[in-house]
Amino acid sequence: MNNIEETEHQSFEEDLQFLIKTLKESFESTDVQYFVDDHNDTLYVKLEGLDEYPEEEIEEIATPIFEILDLDFEEIILLPL
């Protein structure tokens, strides 16, 4: 990787870690796992305790977080852990 690619990758990783931390805190989860599917440009995030929230509340909490960070995923899928 050249320096530009390394910087872009590092920035992406930092944004991704910030997103995961923010989601974990927002949903008061004690555990979180995630997987990036590069082929489908999808991020899967599993959050402990997510199943305790109704769908509407999940959208209310997560949508502003996704809009602020604006990561380049086609889809971000939240799943209970």
Protein backbone atom coordinates (compact mmCIF):
# COMPACT_ATOMS: atom_id res chain seq x y z
CA MET A 1 0.00 0.00 0.00
CA ASN A 2 1.20 3.50 -0.68
CA ASN A 3 0.92 6.28 1.89
CA ILE A 4 -2.39 7.61 0.57
CA GLU A 5 -3.98 4.16 0.66
CA GLU A 6 -2.59 3.53 4.14
CA THR A 7 -3.96 6.85 5.38
CA GLU A 8 -7.38 6.15 3.83
CA HIS A 9 -7.44 2.65 5.31
CA GLN A 10 -6.43 3.94 8.75
CA SER A 11 -9.12 6.63 8.58
CA PHE A 12 -11.71 4.03 7.58
CA GLU A 13 -10.67 1.76 10.47
CA GLU A 14 -10.89 4.64 12.94
CA ASP A 15 -14.36 5.61 11.69
CA LEU A 16 -15.46 1.98 11.86
CA GLN A 17 -14.20 1.59 15.44
CA PHE A 18 -15.94 4.84 16.41
CA LEU A 19 -19.20 3.56 14.88
CA ILE A 20 -18.96 0.25 16.73
CA LYS A 21 -18.18 1.99 20.04
CA THR A 22 -21.03 4.48 19.54
CA LEU A 23 -23.55 1.74 18.73
CA LYS A 24 -22.38 -0.30 21.73
CA GLU A 25 -22.85 2.66 24.05
CA SER A 26 -26.14 3.78 22.47
CA PHE A 27 -27.72 0.36 22.90
CA GLU A 28 -26.09 -0.17 26.30
CA SER A 29 -24.50 -3.39 25.07
CA THR A 30 -21.85 -5.21 27.05
CA ASP A 31 -20.63 -7.11 23.99
CA VAL A 32 -20.43 -6.39 20.28
CA GLN A 33 -19.15 -8.24 17.24
CA TYR A 34 -18.93 -7.03 13.66
CA PHE A 35 -18.09 -8.34 10.23
CA VAL A 36 -17.35 -6.42 7.03
CA ASP A 37 -18.54 -8.18 3.89
CA ASP A 38 -16.42 -6.43 1.25
CA HIS A 39 -17.98 -8.38 -1.60
CA ASN A 40 -21.48 -7.06 -0.84
CA ASP A 41 -20.28 -3.79 0.74
CA THR A 42 -22.23 -4.62 3.91
CA LEU A 43 -21.41 -4.19 7.58
CA TYR A 44 -22.97 -6.62 10.06
CA VAL A 45 -23.01 -5.54 13.69
CA LYS A 46 -24.15 -7.92 16.44
CA LEU A 47 -25.08 -6.18 19.69
CA GLU A 48 -25.79 -7.85 23.00
CA GLY A 49 -29.26 -6.83 24.21
CA LEU A 50 -30.46 -5.49 20.85
CA ASP A 51 -33.39 -7.91 20.96
CA GLU A 52 -34.76 -5.94 23.93
CA TYR A 53 -35.46 -2.93 21.68
CA PRO A 54 -38.47 -2.61 19.37
CA GLU A 55 -37.66 -2.09 15.67
CA GLU A 56 -38.84 1.53 15.73
CA GLU A 57 -36.55 2.41 18.63
CA ILE A 58 -33.58 0.74 16.95
CA GLU A 59 -34.16 2.90 13.88
CA GLU A 60 -34.58 6.02 16.03
CA ILE A 61 -31.27 5.40 17.77
CA ALA A 62 -29.20 4.11 14.85
CA THR A 63 -30.25 6.33 11.94
CA PRO A 64 -28.68 9.57 13.22
CA ILE A 65 -25.46 7.70 14.03
CA PHE A 66 -25.29 6.30 10.49
CA GLU A 67 -25.99 9.73 8.97
CA ILE A 68 -23.25 11.46 10.96
CA LEU A 69 -20.53 8.94 10.15
CA ASP A 70 -21.47 8.37 6.50
CA LEU A 71 -19.38 5.23 6.01
CA ASP A 72 -19.35 3.85 2.48
CA PHE A 73 -21.46 0.74 3.03
CA GLU A 74 -24.42 -0.19 0.88
CA GLU A 75 -26.04 -1.61 3.99
CA ILE A 76 -25.44 -1.72 7.74
CA ILE A 77 -27.31 -4.55 9.40
CA LEU A 78 -27.82 -4.67 13.16
CA LEU A 79 -28.40 -8.09 14.70
CA PRO A 80 -28.88 -9.31 18.27
CA LEU A 81 -25.95 -11.16 19.80
